[in-house]
Amino acid sequence: MFLIMTATFDRFSDLPRELRDQIWGFALRTARPGVLIFRLYNSYKDDHAGAHDAVSLDCCFDGHRLAAPLWNRYFDNIDTKCSDGNLSTYLIDGGLWTACKESRLIIEKHFQSSEWNYQHKYQRKELVRQECRHLLNMPATSYFCCDGGNAPHYFTVLPHQDLFVLQPESLDNIDWDCINFDIPIGSTVKGFKGIRHLAIEYNPEWGVQLSKAEPHQADVPIVQTLIQAAFNADYVRKIWFIDHNLKRKKDSPVIVENASFSDTNAFYASDRKFVEVKCDYMATSLDNWQYIQQEGDGSHNECSIYFVTSLREEINASMDLDDSEADESPCLVGLLGWNNF
């Protein structure tokens, strides 16, 4: 006799409510900072044909827009036997918004949507006055436009704690001072404090360019672009660089994770977590980390750790400490490697 497994369970509604609630709970994202991967384009400058835009429920601006990531820019799957995919946290529980009435109630309760919507509508001034650490769990709900009349895919994110991984058409086309105004998800226009943690995927070619330019690293175009980003990205707490080639060593000590507003050091995707790499000294930085493949010619001054360290130095050198009328200090920059759960 063969046991036939089905993909659906038609009598789910007959289960006790307590058991159903437990099952729904397993479908929700965990209460940890997530990883959100988006295509970013400038609607005035970039070719965005076929983009599946992330649309806010109550407003949308021109300029910079978020969209679903392109398939050819998916992160490599840890399991080489499986195809690559979108590892974003927003895919874990987004389907609950439209699965059924009960699932919608579950996800609304989880994110406290009604309470936050009330504050957005009637207590906007009070929200603006609150410090960001009190607003870590304030959610933003959006949806991706779909082709062919297909139903939109809804999702909810936490702009004040999640990591927004931006995959731009061109870094040169980003107006950094407009990011937290144009993008509705977490926009200051909607009462949020802006997206706090932005990430860009590290390009190994940047390290090679930096090495060749010594001692004139500040003249390298990518360095100039990133210095501008650090100074102009209003409301951003930290710009992170993700190095997919940098992995935590197997027997390294467990990292003490911090999920506070100012010191978040770990972000969770669907199959891995991205963890901060201390870039103080090369030797100590590599005590618990390893490059999967050789960086450049193998010299330390072509690797991501050296790049981020040098970028910090150039950002600091760009500050005019004697100018009392200077703009606000630049945002921080950091490096993220990855590790298995």
C-alpha atoms as a PDB file:
ATOM      1  CA  MET A   1       0.000   0.000   0.000  1.00  0.00           C
ATOM      2  CA  PHE A   2       1.390   3.394  -0.962  1.00  0.00           C
ATOM      3  CA  LEU A   3       0.974   6.601   1.036  1.00  0.00           C
ATOM      4  CA  ILE A   4       0.112   9.486  -1.280  1.00  0.00           C
ATOM      5  CA  MET A   5       1.266  12.924  -0.074  1.00  0.00           C
ATOM      6  CA  THR A   6      -0.745  15.932  -1.204  1.00  0.00           C
ATOM      7  CA  ALA A   7       0.373  19.537  -1.458  1.00  0.00           C
ATOM      8  CA  THR A   8      -2.818  20.838   0.144  1.00  0.00           C
ATOM      9  CA  PHE A   9      -4.716  20.105   3.334  1.00  0.00           C
ATOM     10  CA  ASP A  10      -8.386  20.761   2.626  1.00  0.00           C
ATOM     11  CA  ARG A  11      -9.577  20.292   6.208  1.00  0.00           C
ATOM     12  CA  PHE A  12      -7.312  22.920   7.775  1.00  0.00           C
ATOM     13  CA  SER A  13     -10.351  24.929   8.903  1.00  0.00           C
ATOM     14  CA  ASP A  14     -11.575  21.916  10.907  1.00  0.00           C
ATOM     15  CA  LEU A  15      -8.533  22.037  13.173  1.00  0.00           C
ATOM     16  CA  PRO A  16      -8.850  23.674  16.621  1.00  0.00           C
ATOM     17  CA  ARG A  17      -8.198  27.414  16.530  1.00  0.00           C
ATOM     18  CA  GLU A  18      -5.227  27.096  18.897  1.00  0.00           C
ATOM     19  CA  LEU A  19      -3.548  24.611  16.565  1.00  0.00           C
ATOM     20  CA  ARG A  20      -4.291  26.723  13.503  1.00  0.00           C
ATOM     21  CA  ASP A  21      -2.716  29.746  15.181  1.00  0.00           C
ATOM     22  CA  GLN A  22       0.430  27.736  15.909  1.00  0.00           C
ATOM     23  CA  ILE A  23       0.655  26.625  12.290  1.00  0.00           C
ATOM     24  CA  TRP A  24       0.158  30.174  11.026  1.00  0.00           C
ATOM     25  CA  GLY A  25       2.918  31.259  13.382  1.00  0.00           C
ATOM     26  CA  PHE A  26       5.394  28.997  11.590  1.00  0.00           C
ATOM     27  CA  ALA A  27       4.597  30.819   8.336  1.00  0.00           C
ATOM     28  CA  LEU A  28       5.566  34.234   9.722  1.00  0.00           C
ATOM     29  CA  ARG A  29       9.024  35.759   9.547  1.00  0.00           C
ATOM     30  CA  THR A  30      11.035  35.580  12.754  1.00  0.00           C
ATOM     31  CA  ALA A  31      11.452  38.650  14.937  1.00  0.00           C
ATOM     32  CA  ARG A  32      14.935  39.440  13.618  1.00  0.00           C
ATOM     33  CA  PRO A  33      16.264  42.063  11.192  1.00  0.00           C
ATOM     34  CA  GLY A  34      15.541  40.801   7.686  1.00  0.00           C
ATOM     35  CA  VAL A  35      17.195  41.070   4.281  1.00  0.00           C
ATOM     36  CA  LEU A  36      15.212  42.760   1.505  1.00  0.00           C
ATOM     37  CA  ILE A  37      16.586  42.624  -2.039  1.00  0.00           C
ATOM     38  CA  PHE A  38      15.336  45.177  -4.541  1.00  0.00           C
ATOM     39  CA  ARG A  39      16.191  46.386  -7.980  1.00  0.00           C
ATOM     40  CA  LEU A  40      16.738  50.153  -7.790  1.00  0.00           C
ATOM     41  CA  TYR A  41      16.377  52.425 -10.765  1.00  0.00           C
ATOM     42  CA  ASN A  42      16.110  56.123 -11.504  1.00  0.00           C
ATOM     43  CA  SER A  43      12.954  56.598 -13.555  1.00  0.00           C
ATOM     44  CA  TYR A  44      14.474  59.650 -15.243  1.00  0.00           C
ATOM     45  CA  LYS A  45      17.831  58.137 -16.177  1.00  0.00           C
ATOM     46  CA  ASP A  46      17.721  54.326 -16.262  1.00  0.00           C
ATOM     47  CA  ASP A  47      16.189  51.844 -18.678  1.00  0.00           C
ATOM     48  CA  HIS A  48      13.522  50.178 -16.556  1.00  0.00           C
ATOM     49  CA  ALA A  49      11.548  48.241 -19.139  1.00  0.00           C
ATOM     50  CA  GLY A  50       9.793  45.256 -17.600  1.00  0.00           C
ATOM     51  CA  ALA A  51      10.376  46.379 -14.023  1.00  0.00           C
ATOM     52  CA  HIS A  52       7.946  44.943 -11.470  1.00  0.00           C
ATOM     53  CA  ASP A  53       7.679  48.014  -9.281  1.00  0.00           C
ATOM     54  CA  ALA A  54       7.154  47.900  -5.542  1.00  0.00           C
ATOM     55  CA  VAL A  55       4.071  50.087  -5.145  1.00  0.00           C
ATOM     56  CA  SER A  56       3.058  51.746  -1.904  1.00  0.00           C
ATOM     57  CA  LEU A  57      -0.564  51.452  -0.854  1.00  0.00           C
ATOM     58  CA  ASP A  58      -1.156  55.197  -0.514  1.00  0.00           C
ATOM     59  CA  CYS A  59       1.500  57.084  -2.471  1.00  0.00           C
ATOM     60  CA  CYS A  60       4.140  56.757  -5.149  1.00  0.00           C
ATOM     61  CA  PHE A  61       6.808  59.181  -6.297  1.00  0.00           C
ATOM     62  CA  ASP A  62       8.825  59.606  -9.438  1.00  0.00           C
ATOM     63  CA  GLY A  63      12.593  59.546  -9.332  1.00  0.00           C
ATOM     64  CA  HIS A  64      14.004  56.510  -7.558  1.00  0.00           C
ATOM     65  CA  ARG A  65      11.915  53.370  -7.511  1.00  0.00           C
ATOM     66  CA  LEU A  66      12.207  49.907  -6.052  1.00  0.00           C
ATOM     67  CA  ALA A  67      11.270  46.820  -8.045  1.00  0.00           C
ATOM     68  CA  ALA A  68      11.555  43.049  -7.755  1.00  0.00           C
ATOM     69  CA  PRO A  69      15.154  41.882  -8.317  1.00  0.00           C
ATOM     70  CA  LEU A  70      16.113  40.615 -11.753  1.00  0.00           C
ATOM     71  CA  TRP A  71      16.605  36.848 -11.963  1.00  0.00           C
ATOM     72  CA  ASN A  72      20.174  37.244 -13.277  1.00  0.00           C
ATOM     73  CA  ARG A  73      21.118  39.100 -10.102  1.00  0.00           C
ATOM     74  CA  TYR A  74      19.803  36.541  -7.625  1.00  0.00           C
ATOM     75  CA  PHE A  75      22.268  35.518  -4.921  1.00  0.00           C
ATOM     76  CA  ASP A  76      23.972  32.178  -5.564  1.00  0.00           C
ATOM     77  CA  ASN A  77      22.215  29.351  -3.757  1.00  0.00           C
ATOM     78  CA  ILE A  78      24.180  27.792  -0.897  1.00  0.00           C
ATOM     79  CA  ASP A  79      23.018  24.385  -2.131  1.00  0.00           C
ATOM     80  CA  THR A  80      24.686  23.977  -5.529  1.00  0.00           C
ATOM     81  CA  LYS A  81      22.028  21.404  -6.485  1.00  0.00           C
ATOM     82  CA  CYS A  82      19.305  24.049  -6.288  1.00  0.00           C
ATOM     83  CA  SER A  83      18.671  26.976  -8.587  1.00  0.00           C
ATOM     84  CA  ASP A  84      19.235  30.532  -7.447  1.00  0.00           C
ATOM     85  CA  GLY A  85      16.294  32.539  -6.153  1.00  0.00           C
ATOM     86  CA  ASN A  86      15.144  35.634  -4.323  1.00  0.00           C
ATOM     87  CA  LEU A  87      16.246  35.156  -0.709  1.00  0.00           C
ATOM     88  CA  SER A  88      14.403  38.180   0.638  1.00  0.00           C
ATOM     89  CA  THR A  89      12.615  38.003   3.957  1.00  0.00           C
ATOM     90  CA  TYR A  90       9.560  39.657   2.443  1.00  0.00           C
ATOM     91  CA  LEU A  91       8.767  36.433   0.540  1.00  0.00           C
ATOM     92  CA  ILE A  92       8.487  34.357   3.724  1.00  0.00           C
ATOM     93  CA  ASP A  93       5.076  35.569   4.826  1.00  0.00           C
ATOM     94  CA  GLY A  94       3.846  37.877   2.062  1.00  0.00           C
ATOM     95  CA  GLY A  95       1.418  35.259   0.790  1.00  0.00           C
ATOM     96  CA  LEU A  96      -0.550  35.451   4.036  1.00  0.00           C
ATOM     97  CA  TRP A  97      -2.033  38.764   2.949  1.00  0.00           C
ATOM     98  CA  THR A  98      -4.083  37.090   0.203  1.00  0.00           C
ATOM     99  CA  ALA A  99      -4.267  33.371   1.113  1.00  0.00           C
ATOM    100  CA  CYS A 100      -7.547  33.657   3.035  1.00  0.00           C
ATOM    101  CA  LYS A 101      -9.364  35.864   5.538  1.00  0.00           C
ATOM    102  CA  GLU A 102      -7.866  34.072   8.505  1.00  0.00           C
ATOM    103  CA  SER A 103      -4.285  34.373   7.245  1.00  0.00           C
ATOM    104  CA  ARG A 104      -4.817  38.086   6.607  1.00  0.00           C
ATOM    105  CA  LEU A 105      -6.014  38.559  10.181  1.00  0.00           C
ATOM    106  CA  ILE A 106      -2.968  36.657  11.426  1.00  0.00           C
ATOM    107  CA  ILE A 107      -0.433  38.807   9.565  1.00  0.00           C
ATOM    108  CA  GLU A 108      -2.262  42.038  10.438  1.00  0.00           C
ATOM    109  CA  LYS A 109      -2.128  41.053  14.098  1.00  0.00           C
ATOM    110  CA  HIS A 110       1.545  40.055  13.817  1.00  0.00           C
ATOM    111  CA  PHE A 111       2.619  43.430  12.441  1.00  0.00           C
ATOM    112  CA  GLN A 112       0.016  45.355  14.498  1.00  0.00           C
ATOM    113  CA  SER A 113      -1.077  47.010  11.269  1.00  0.00           C
ATOM    114  CA  SER A 114      -4.273  48.565  12.649  1.00  0.00           C
ATOM    115  CA  GLU A 115      -2.487  50.218  15.562  1.00  0.00           C
ATOM    116  CA  TRP A 116       0.262  51.648  13.373  1.00  0.00           C
ATOM    117  CA  ASN A 117      -2.204  52.788  10.707  1.00  0.00           C
ATOM    118  CA  TYR A 118      -4.142  54.653  13.383  1.00  0.00           C
ATOM    119  CA  GLN A 119      -0.987  56.434  14.509  1.00  0.00           C
ATOM    120  CA  HIS A 120      -0.087  57.288  10.907  1.00  0.00           C
ATOM    121  CA  LYS A 121      -3.533  58.791  10.353  1.00  0.00           C
ATOM    122  CA  TYR A 122      -4.232  60.574  13.625  1.00  0.00           C
ATOM    123  CA  GLN A 123      -0.913  60.857  15.480  1.00  0.00           C
ATOM    124  CA  ARG A 124       1.567  61.707  12.699  1.00  0.00           C
ATOM    125  CA  LYS A 125       3.175  64.559  14.665  1.00  0.00           C
ATOM    126  CA  GLU A 126       3.724  62.322  17.687  1.00  0.00           C
ATOM    127  CA  LEU A 127       5.337  59.678  15.453  1.00  0.00           C
ATOM    128  CA  VAL A 128       7.722  62.226  13.966  1.00  0.00           C
ATOM    129  CA  ARG A 129       8.844  63.318  17.427  1.00  0.00           C
ATOM    130  CA  GLN A 130       9.598  59.805  18.628  1.00  0.00           C
ATOM    131  CA  GLU A 131      13.138  58.488  18.485  1.00  0.00           C
ATOM    132  CA  CYS A 132      13.810  55.751  15.959  1.00  0.00           C
ATOM    133  CA  ARG A 133      14.553  53.084  18.555  1.00  0.00           C
ATOM    134  CA  HIS A 134      10.906  53.296  19.648  1.00  0.00           C
ATOM    135  CA  LEU A 135       9.777  52.705  16.075  1.00  0.00           C
ATOM    136  CA  LEU A 136      11.806  49.614  15.184  1.00  0.00           C
ATOM    137  CA  ASN A 137       8.691  47.521  14.613  1.00  0.00           C
ATOM    138  CA  MET A 138       6.743  50.086  12.577  1.00  0.00           C
ATOM    139  CA  PRO A 139       5.775  48.186   9.386  1.00  0.00           C
ATOM    140  CA  ALA A 140       5.357  49.290   5.784  1.00  0.00           C
ATOM    141  CA  THR A 141       3.209  47.253   3.406  1.00  0.00           C
ATOM    142  CA  SER A 142       3.615  47.348  -0.358  1.00  0.00           C
ATOM    143  CA  TYR A 143       3.123  45.085  -3.362  1.00  0.00           C
ATOM    144  CA  PHE A 144       4.887  44.124  -6.570  1.00  0.00           C
ATOM    145  CA  CYS A 145       3.099  44.828  -9.836  1.00  0.00           C
ATOM    146  CA  CYS A 146       2.714  41.672 -11.935  1.00  0.00           C
ATOM    147  CA  ASP A 147       2.414  41.132 -15.675  1.00  0.00           C
ATOM    148  CA  GLY A 148      -0.540  39.680 -17.549  1.00  0.00           C
ATOM    149  CA  GLY A 149      -3.203  40.715 -15.087  1.00  0.00           C
ATOM    150  CA  ASN A 150      -1.819  38.421 -12.376  1.00  0.00           C
ATOM    151  CA  ALA A 151      -2.659  39.283  -8.787  1.00  0.00           C
ATOM    152  CA  PRO A 152      -0.101  41.572  -7.122  1.00  0.00           C
ATOM    153  CA  HIS A 153       2.224  40.099  -4.504  1.00  0.00           C
ATOM    154  CA  TYR A 154       1.856  41.902  -1.181  1.00  0.00           C
ATOM    155  CA  PHE A 155       4.638  42.087   1.375  1.00  0.00           C
ATOM    156  CA  THR A 156       5.467  43.845   4.640  1.00  0.00           C
ATOM    157  CA  VAL A 157       8.850  45.124   5.778  1.00  0.00           C
ATOM    158  CA  LEU A 158      10.306  46.920   8.785  1.00  0.00           C
ATOM    159  CA  PRO A 159      12.180  49.936   7.345  1.00  0.00           C
ATOM    160  CA  HIS A 160      13.833  50.936  10.612  1.00  0.00           C
ATOM    161  CA  GLN A 161      15.532  47.580  11.190  1.00  0.00           C
ATOM    162  CA  ASP A 162      15.630  45.542   7.955  1.00  0.00           C
ATOM    163  CA  LEU A 163      18.552  45.587   5.528  1.00  0.00           C
ATOM    164  CA  PHE A 164      17.607  47.006   2.119  1.00  0.00           C
ATOM    165  CA  VAL A 165      19.938  45.458  -0.465  1.00  0.00           C
ATOM    166  CA  LEU A 166      19.853  47.761  -3.482  1.00  0.00           C
ATOM    167  CA  GLN A 167      20.771  46.450  -6.920  1.00  0.00           C
ATOM    168  CA  PRO A 168      21.000  49.675  -8.953  1.00  0.00           C
ATOM    169  CA  GLU A 169      21.120  49.971 -12.698  1.00  0.00           C
ATOM    170  CA  SER A 170      24.036  52.356 -12.144  1.00  0.00           C
ATOM    171  CA  LEU A 171      25.496  53.747  -8.925  1.00  0.00           C
ATOM    172  CA  ASP A 172      26.246  56.964 -10.800  1.00  0.00           C
ATOM    173  CA  ASN A 173      22.536  57.570 -11.432  1.00  0.00           C
ATOM    174  CA  ILE A 174      21.549  57.531  -7.770  1.00  0.00           C
ATOM    175  CA  ASP A 175      20.704  60.875  -6.175  1.00  0.00           C
ATOM    176  CA  TRP A 176      21.526  59.805  -2.645  1.00  0.00           C
ATOM    177  CA  ASP A 177      19.888  62.758  -0.953  1.00  0.00           C
ATOM    178  CA  CYS A 178      16.536  61.728  -2.500  1.00  0.00           C
ATOM    179  CA  ILE A 179      16.568  58.038  -1.550  1.00  0.00           C
ATOM    180  CA  ASN A 180      14.533  58.378   1.641  1.00  0.00           C
ATOM    181  CA  PHE A 181      12.100  60.787   0.017  1.00  0.00           C
ATOM    182  CA  ASP A 182      11.418  59.076  -3.310  1.00  0.00           C
ATOM    183  CA  ILE A 183      11.077  55.505  -2.059  1.00  0.00           C
ATOM    184  CA  PRO A 184       7.624  55.196  -0.423  1.00  0.00           C
ATOM    185  CA  ILE A 185       8.623  52.204   1.718  1.00  0.00           C
ATOM    186  CA  GLY A 186       9.934  53.914   4.831  1.00  0.00           C
ATOM    187  CA  SER A 187       9.717  57.388   3.291  1.00  0.00           C
ATOM    188  CA  THR A 188      10.003  60.363   5.611  1.00  0.00           C
ATOM    189  CA  VAL A 189       6.963  61.740   3.774  1.00  0.00           C
ATOM    190  CA  LYS A 190       4.893  58.923   5.309  1.00  0.00           C
ATOM    191  CA  GLY A 191       6.027  59.473   8.895  1.00  0.00           C
ATOM    192  CA  PHE A 192       8.944  57.050   8.916  1.00  0.00           C
ATOM    193  CA  LYS A 193      12.493  57.955   9.886  1.00  0.00           C
ATOM    194  CA  GLY A 194      13.748  56.696   6.553  1.00  0.00           C
ATOM    195  CA  ILE A 195      15.478  53.446   5.630  1.00  0.00           C
ATOM    196  CA  ARG A 196      18.293  53.031   8.144  1.00  0.00           C
ATOM    197  CA  HIS A 197      20.388  50.175   6.741  1.00  0.00           C
ATOM    198  CA  LEU A 198      21.266  50.146   3.026  1.00  0.00           C
ATOM    199  CA  ALA A 199      23.477  47.529   1.387  1.00  0.00           C
ATOM    200  CA  ILE A 200      25.354  47.311  -1.895  1.00  0.00           C
ATOM    201  CA  GLU A 201      26.978  44.135  -3.180  1.00  0.00           C
ATOM    202  CA  TYR A 202      30.753  44.451  -3.190  1.00  0.00           C
ATOM    203  CA  ASN A 203      32.432  44.271  -6.591  1.00  0.00           C
ATOM    204  CA  PRO A 204      35.919  42.655  -6.415  1.00  0.00           C
ATOM    205  CA  GLU A 205      37.023  44.958  -9.228  1.00  0.00           C
ATOM    206  CA  TRP A 206      36.795  47.861  -6.802  1.00  0.00           C
ATOM    207  CA  GLY A 207      39.586  46.405  -4.708  1.00  0.00           C
ATOM    208  CA  VAL A 208      41.801  46.001  -7.775  1.00  0.00           C
ATOM    209  CA  GLN A 209      41.149  49.614  -8.793  1.00  0.00           C
ATOM    210  CA  LEU A 210      41.961  50.821  -5.296  1.00  0.00           C
ATOM    211  CA  SER A 211      45.218  48.872  -5.180  1.00  0.00           C
ATOM    212  CA  LYS A 212      46.388  50.216  -8.533  1.00  0.00           C
ATOM    213  CA  ALA A 213      45.620  53.803  -7.513  1.00  0.00           C
ATOM    214  CA  GLU A 214      47.729  53.864  -4.330  1.00  0.00           C
ATOM    215  CA  PRO A 215      48.465  56.310  -2.818  1.00  0.00           C
ATOM    216  CA  HIS A 216      45.731  58.265  -4.615  1.00  0.00           C
ATOM    217  CA  GLN A 217      42.721  56.166  -3.643  1.00  0.00           C
ATOM    218  CA  ALA A 218      40.485  59.224  -3.362  1.00  0.00           C
ATOM    219  CA  ASP A 219      40.763  59.728  -7.127  1.00  0.00           C
ATOM    220  CA  VAL A 220      39.173  56.359  -7.933  1.00  0.00           C
ATOM    221  CA  PRO A 221      35.671  57.011  -9.376  1.00  0.00           C
ATOM    222  CA  ILE A 222      33.920  54.392  -7.226  1.00  0.00           C
ATOM    223  CA  VAL A 223      35.504  55.860  -4.102  1.00  0.00           C
ATOM    224  CA  GLN A 224      34.292  59.328  -5.051  1.00  0.00           C
ATOM    225  CA  THR A 225      30.794  57.966  -5.679  1.00  0.00           C
ATOM    226  CA  LEU A 226      30.673  56.206  -2.311  1.00  0.00           C
ATOM    227  CA  ILE A 227      32.013  59.231  -0.442  1.00  0.00           C
ATOM    228  CA  GLN A 228      29.151  61.243  -1.913  1.00  0.00           C
ATOM    229  CA  ALA A 229      26.739  58.513  -0.846  1.00  0.00           C
ATOM    230  CA  ALA A 230      28.016  58.598   2.739  1.00  0.00           C
ATOM    231  CA  PHE A 231      27.593  62.361   2.995  1.00  0.00           C
ATOM    232  CA  ASN A 232      24.333  62.718   1.072  1.00  0.00           C
ATOM    233  CA  ALA A 233      22.232  59.687   2.067  1.00  0.00           C
ATOM    234  CA  ASP A 234      19.903  61.511   4.440  1.00  0.00           C
ATOM    235  CA  TYR A 235      18.559  59.514   7.404  1.00  0.00           C
ATOM    236  CA  VAL A 236      20.605  56.424   6.499  1.00  0.00           C
ATOM    237  CA  ARG A 237      22.402  55.064   9.534  1.00  0.00           C
ATOM    238  CA  LYS A 238      24.838  52.781   7.722  1.00  0.00           C
ATOM    239  CA  ILE A 239      25.775  51.759   4.199  1.00  0.00           C
ATOM    240  CA  TRP A 240      26.861  48.125   4.147  1.00  0.00           C
ATOM    241  CA  PHE A 241      28.865  46.245   1.541  1.00  0.00           C
ATOM    242  CA  ILE A 242      27.975  42.574   1.111  1.00  0.00           C
ATOM    243  CA  ASP A 243      30.867  40.342   0.096  1.00  0.00           C
ATOM    244  CA  HIS A 244      29.462  36.999  -1.064  1.00  0.00           C
ATOM    245  CA  ASN A 245      33.024  35.667  -1.134  1.00  0.00           C
ATOM    246  CA  LEU A 246      33.610  36.244   2.585  1.00  0.00           C
ATOM    247  CA  LYS A 247      32.330  33.471   4.869  1.00  0.00           C
ATOM    248  CA  ARG A 248      32.498  32.921   8.590  1.00  0.00           C
ATOM    249  CA  LYS A 249      34.914  30.107   9.529  1.00  0.00           C
ATOM    250  CA  LYS A 250      33.218  26.931  10.663  1.00  0.00           C
ATOM    251  CA  ASP A 251      34.673  26.736  14.181  1.00  0.00           C
ATOM    252  CA  SER A 252      34.585  30.462  14.935  1.00  0.00           C
ATOM    253  CA  PRO A 253      32.990  31.622  18.189  1.00  0.00           C
ATOM    254  CA  VAL A 254      29.335  32.562  18.120  1.00  0.00           C
ATOM    255  CA  ILE A 255      28.783  36.237  17.388  1.00  0.00           C
ATOM    256  CA  VAL A 256      26.800  38.180  19.949  1.00  0.00           C
ATOM    257  CA  GLU A 257      24.045  39.638  17.791  1.00  0.00           C
ATOM    258  CA  ASN A 258      22.689  43.100  18.412  1.00  0.00           C
ATOM    259  CA  ALA A 259      19.370  44.174  16.942  1.00  0.00           C
ATOM    260  CA  SER A 260      19.229  47.676  18.425  1.00  0.00           C
ATOM    261  CA  PHE A 261      18.660  50.711  16.236  1.00  0.00           C
ATOM    262  CA  SER A 262      22.260  51.914  16.169  1.00  0.00           C
ATOM    263  CA  ASP A 263      24.308  48.739  16.437  1.00  0.00           C
ATOM    264  CA  THR A 264      22.570  46.051  14.373  1.00  0.00           C
ATOM    265  CA  ASN A 265      25.224  43.567  13.248  1.00  0.00           C
ATOM    266  CA  ALA A 266      23.288  40.628  11.757  1.00  0.00           C
ATOM    267  CA  PHE A 267      20.531  40.383   9.153  1.00  0.00           C
ATOM    268  CA  TYR A 268      18.592  37.244   8.174  1.00  0.00           C
ATOM    269  CA  ALA A 269      17.768  36.152   4.625  1.00  0.00           C
ATOM    270  CA  SER A 270      15.732  33.007   3.938  1.00  0.00           C
ATOM    271  CA  ASP A 271      18.727  30.627   3.854  1.00  0.00           C
ATOM    272  CA  ARG A 272      21.655  32.463   5.474  1.00  0.00           C
ATOM    273  CA  LYS A 273      22.516  35.414   7.633  1.00  0.00           C
ATOM    274  CA  PHE A 274      24.771  38.345   6.870  1.00  0.00           C
ATOM    275  CA  VAL A 275      27.030  39.333   9.735  1.00  0.00           C
ATOM    276  CA  GLU A 276      29.246  42.345  10.332  1.00  0.00           C
ATOM    277  CA  VAL A 277      32.955  41.884   9.696  1.00  0.00           C
ATOM    278  CA  LYS A 278      35.162  44.014  11.895  1.00  0.00           C
ATOM    279  CA  CYS A 279      37.593  45.898   9.666  1.00  0.00           C
ATOM    280  CA  ASP A 280      40.032  47.161  12.291  1.00  0.00           C
ATOM    281  CA  TYR A 281      43.151  45.215  11.368  1.00  0.00           C
ATOM    282  CA  MET A 282      43.572  42.783   8.501  1.00  0.00           C
ATOM    283  CA  ALA A 283      45.172  40.034  10.597  1.00  0.00           C
ATOM    284  CA  THR A 284      42.544  40.059  13.328  1.00  0.00           C
ATOM    285  CA  SER A 285      39.701  40.567  10.846  1.00  0.00           C
ATOM    286  CA  LEU A 286      40.566  37.250   9.194  1.00  0.00           C
ATOM    287  CA  ASP A 287      40.826  35.319  12.458  1.00  0.00           C
ATOM    288  CA  ASN A 288      37.225  34.173  12.085  1.00  0.00           C
ATOM    289  CA  TRP A 289      36.609  34.837   8.380  1.00  0.00           C
ATOM    290  CA  GLN A 290      37.847  33.325   5.156  1.00  0.00           C
ATOM    291  CA  TYR A 291      37.692  34.235   1.483  1.00  0.00           C
ATOM    292  CA  ILE A 292      36.128  31.372  -0.463  1.00  0.00           C
ATOM    293  CA  GLN A 293      38.095  32.272  -3.577  1.00  0.00           C
ATOM    294  CA  GLN A 294      41.281  34.281  -3.917  1.00  0.00           C
ATOM    295  CA  GLU A 295      40.728  38.021  -4.126  1.00  0.00           C
ATOM    296  CA  GLY A 296      42.591  39.634  -7.043  1.00  0.00           C
ATOM    297  CA  ASP A 297      46.220  38.593  -6.995  1.00  0.00           C
ATOM    298  CA  GLY A 298      45.863  37.347  -3.425  1.00  0.00           C
ATOM    299  CA  SER A 299      47.321  40.431  -1.769  1.00  0.00           C
ATOM    300  CA  HIS A 300      45.451  41.923   1.166  1.00  0.00           C
ATOM    301  CA  ASN A 301      45.195  45.362  -0.423  1.00  0.00           C
ATOM    302  CA  GLU A 302      42.808  44.038  -3.088  1.00  0.00           C
ATOM    303  CA  CYS A 303      40.252  42.497  -0.716  1.00  0.00           C
ATOM    304  CA  SER A 304      36.958  43.817   0.620  1.00  0.00           C
ATOM    305  CA  ILE A 305      38.251  44.327   4.169  1.00  0.00           C
ATOM    306  CA  TYR A 306      40.994  46.624   2.913  1.00  0.00           C
ATOM    307  CA  PHE A 307      38.534  48.410   0.610  1.00  0.00           C
ATOM    308  CA  VAL A 308      36.078  49.247   3.405  1.00  0.00           C
ATOM    309  CA  THR A 309      38.923  50.282   5.722  1.00  0.00           C
ATOM    310  CA  SER A 310      40.336  52.592   3.044  1.00  0.00           C
ATOM    311  CA  LEU A 311      36.893  53.995   2.234  1.00  0.00           C
ATOM    312  CA  ARG A 312      36.390  54.913   5.888  1.00  0.00           C
ATOM    313  CA  GLU A 313      39.719  56.730   5.887  1.00  0.00           C
ATOM    314  CA  GLU A 314      38.828  58.664   2.737  1.00  0.00           C
ATOM    315  CA  ILE A 315      35.422  59.619   4.164  1.00  0.00           C
ATOM    316  CA  ASN A 316      37.063  60.902   7.332  1.00  0.00           C
ATOM    317  CA  ALA A 317      39.644  62.799   5.290  1.00  0.00           C
ATOM    318  CA  SER A 318      36.816  64.487   3.393  1.00  0.00           C
ATOM    319  CA  MET A 319      35.364  65.999   6.543  1.00  0.00           C
ATOM    320  CA  ASP A 320      36.308  69.622   7.229  1.00  0.00           C
ATOM    321  CA  LEU A 321      36.345  69.614  10.998  1.00  0.00           C
ATOM    322  CA  ASP A 322      37.116  73.336  11.139  1.00  0.00           C
ATOM    323  CA  ASP A 323      33.998  74.305   9.182  1.00  0.00           C
ATOM    324  CA  SER A 324      31.301  75.083  11.723  1.00  0.00           C
ATOM    325  CA  GLU A 325      28.735  75.391   8.921  1.00  0.00           C
ATOM    326  CA  ALA A 326      29.479  71.958   7.458  1.00  0.00           C
ATOM    327  CA  ASP A 327      26.641  69.550   6.776  1.00  0.00           C
ATOM    328  CA  GLU A 328      25.829  66.700   9.135  1.00  0.00           C
ATOM    329  CA  SER A 329      28.366  63.963   9.610  1.00  0.00           C
ATOM    330  CA  PRO A 330      28.425  61.171   7.018  1.00  0.00           C
ATOM    331  CA  CYS A 331      26.684  57.890   7.653  1.00  0.00           C
ATOM    332  CA  LEU A 332      28.753  54.906   8.708  1.00  0.00           C
ATOM    333  CA  VAL A 333      30.033  52.245   6.325  1.00  0.00           C
ATOM    334  CA  GLY A 334      30.493  48.579   7.153  1.00  0.00           C
ATOM    335  CA  LEU A 335      31.201  45.150   5.682  1.00  0.00           C
ATOM    336  CA  LEU A 336      28.984  42.063   5.798  1.00  0.00           C
ATOM    337  CA  GLY A 337      30.135  38.506   5.276  1.00  0.00           C
ATOM    338  CA  TRP A 338      27.792  35.556   5.527  1.00  0.00           C
ATOM    339  CA  ASN A 339      27.236  32.430   7.557  1.00  0.00           C
ATOM    340  CA  ASN A 340      24.839  29.494   7.666  1.00  0.00           C
ATOM    341  CA  PHE A 341      22.030  29.530  10.206  1.00  0.00           C
END
